[in-house]
């Protein structure tokens, strides 16, 4: 057992942050998703799994879960706002979608009076 486990996890967090920023810079530089930026993301994921750490908010928000590319709106992903449901949809070039909730009422049952509520109430009757 290693005595400085906390120190190792802090160093791992720094490395993950550095790798993600390098992947983002590489994607911005190339204006497309390339193999080197995907490799940086893959190394960061391996560090997370090796140290049994949770994925950080940065990794969850900026990385495609299926193709390991860094999501940058306008370059390799498109952004859509699903306002009636209260979330943002990021669609990667590979076709995968990432949903980010921005409205608290949406996470508690879609709020009241939305089209979704009216349809679901109509179906229950």
Protein backbone atom coordinates (compact mmCIF):
# COMPACT_ATOMS: atom_id res chain seq x y z
CA UNK A 1 0.00 0.00 0.00
CA UNK A 2 1.36 3.38 -0.95
CA UNK A 3 1.54 5.93 1.86
CA UNK A 4 0.97 8.99 -0.27
CA UNK A 5 -2.26 7.90 -1.98
CA UNK A 6 -3.77 11.39 -1.69
CA UNK A 7 -0.71 12.94 -3.31
CA UNK A 8 -0.86 10.43 -6.17
CA UNK A 9 -4.52 11.24 -6.82
CA UNK A 10 -3.75 14.97 -6.88
CA UNK A 11 -0.96 14.36 -9.38
CA UNK A 12 -3.30 12.23 -11.46
CA UNK A 13 -5.89 15.05 -11.50
CA UNK A 14 -3.24 17.48 -12.73
CA UNK A 15 -2.17 15.06 -15.47
CA UNK A 16 -5.75 14.51 -16.56
CA UNK A 17 -6.35 18.25 -16.77
CA UNK A 18 -3.15 18.76 -18.74
CA UNK A 19 -3.97 15.92 -21.14
CA UNK A 20 -7.48 17.25 -21.78
CA UNK A 21 -6.19 20.77 -22.42
CA UNK A 22 -3.56 19.38 -24.83
CA UNK A 23 -6.26 17.40 -26.65
CA UNK A 24 -8.45 20.49 -26.91
CA UNK A 25 -5.56 22.60 -28.22
CA UNK A 26 -4.69 19.90 -30.77
CA UNK A 27 -8.29 19.74 -32.01
CA UNK A 28 -8.48 23.54 -32.29
CA UNK A 29 -5.17 23.59 -34.14
CA UNK A 30 -6.15 20.92 -36.66
CA UNK A 31 -9.80 22.07 -36.97
CA UNK A 32 -10.82 18.44 -36.91
CA UNK A 33 -10.58 15.44 -34.65
CA UNK A 34 -7.30 13.61 -35.12
CA UNK A 35 -5.63 10.52 -33.71
CA UNK A 36 -3.27 12.35 -31.34
CA UNK A 37 -6.03 14.22 -29.50
CA UNK A 38 -7.99 10.97 -29.18
CA UNK A 39 -4.88 9.32 -27.77
CA UNK A 40 -4.57 12.07 -25.14
CA UNK A 41 -8.18 11.47 -24.09
CA UNK A 42 -7.60 7.72 -24.02
CA UNK A 43 -4.57 8.15 -21.72
CA UNK A 44 -6.64 10.39 -19.43
CA UNK A 45 -9.37 7.74 -19.26
CA UNK A 46 -6.78 5.10 -18.43
CA UNK A 47 -5.45 7.26 -15.57
CA UNK A 48 -8.99 7.67 -14.22
CA UNK A 49 -9.61 3.94 -14.28
CA UNK A 50 -6.18 3.05 -12.85
CA UNK A 51 -6.59 5.25 -9.77
CA UNK A 52 -10.31 4.40 -9.44
CA UNK A 53 -11.29 8.06 -9.53
CA UNK A 54 -14.63 9.45 -10.71
CA UNK A 55 -14.64 11.22 -14.06
CA UNK A 56 -14.43 14.94 -13.51
CA UNK A 57 -16.98 17.43 -14.76
CA UNK A 58 -14.54 18.58 -17.41
CA UNK A 59 -14.16 15.10 -18.86
CA UNK A 60 -17.88 14.39 -18.77
CA UNK A 61 -18.76 17.68 -20.46
CA UNK A 62 -16.03 17.92 -23.08
CA UNK A 63 -15.39 14.35 -24.24
CA UNK A 64 -17.50 12.13 -26.51
CA UNK A 65 -18.07 8.82 -24.76
CA UNK A 66 -18.15 6.73 -27.92
CA UNK A 67 -15.27 8.05 -30.06
CA UNK A 68 -13.05 9.77 -27.41
CA UNK A 69 -12.87 13.08 -29.26
CA UNK A 70 -12.96 16.47 -27.54
CA UNK A 71 -16.26 18.19 -28.26
CA UNK A 72 -15.80 21.72 -29.58
CA UNK A 73 -18.97 23.36 -30.93
CA UNK A 74 -18.69 24.33 -34.57
CA UNK A 75 -15.62 22.20 -35.22
CA UNK A 76 -16.56 18.61 -34.51
CA UNK A 77 -19.97 18.81 -32.84
CA UNK A 78 -23.25 20.66 -33.16
CA UNK A 79 -25.22 22.18 -30.31
CA UNK A 80 -29.00 22.22 -30.01
CA UNK A 81 -31.19 23.57 -27.24
CA UNK A 82 -34.14 21.42 -26.20
CA UNK A 83 -35.83 24.19 -24.27
CA UNK A 84 -39.08 22.37 -23.54
CA UNK A 85 -37.17 19.61 -21.75
CA UNK A 86 -34.50 21.83 -20.22
CA UNK A 87 -31.32 20.34 -21.63
CA UNK A 88 -28.62 21.05 -24.19
CA UNK A 89 -27.81 18.42 -26.83
CA UNK A 90 -24.25 18.08 -28.11
CA UNK A 91 -24.11 15.86 -31.22
CA UNK A 92 -20.68 14.55 -32.18
CA UNK A 93 -19.62 13.84 -35.76
CA UNK A 94 -19.78 10.11 -34.94
CA UNK A 95 -23.52 10.47 -34.22
CA UNK A 96 -23.41 10.14 -30.43
CA UNK A 97 -25.38 12.65 -28.36
CA UNK A 98 -24.62 14.13 -24.97
CA UNK A 99 -27.41 15.73 -22.95
CA UNK A 100 -26.59 18.38 -20.35
CA UNK A 101 -29.40 19.54 -18.08
CA UNK A 102 -29.49 23.29 -17.54
CA UNK A 103 -32.87 23.74 -15.87
CA UNK A 104 -33.54 22.32 -12.42
CA UNK A 105 -37.26 21.84 -13.02
CA UNK A 106 -36.45 19.62 -15.97
CA UNK A 107 -34.55 17.18 -13.79
CA UNK A 108 -37.49 16.91 -11.37
CA UNK A 109 -40.07 15.79 -13.90
CA UNK A 110 -40.10 18.26 -16.80
CA UNK A 111 -41.85 21.05 -14.90
CA UNK A 112 -45.52 21.87 -15.13
CA UNK A 113 -47.43 22.85 -18.21
CA UNK A 114 -45.00 21.67 -20.85
CA UNK A 115 -46.09 19.79 -23.92
CA UNK A 116 -44.56 16.63 -22.50
CA UNK A 117 -46.77 16.84 -19.39
CA UNK A 118 -49.91 17.41 -21.43
CA UNK A 119 -49.18 14.39 -23.65
CA UNK A 120 -48.33 12.13 -20.72
CA UNK A 121 -51.51 13.15 -18.86
CA UNK A 122 -53.58 12.49 -21.95
CA UNK A 123 -52.10 9.01 -22.32
CA UNK A 124 -52.80 8.09 -18.67
CA UNK A 125 -56.53 8.77 -18.94
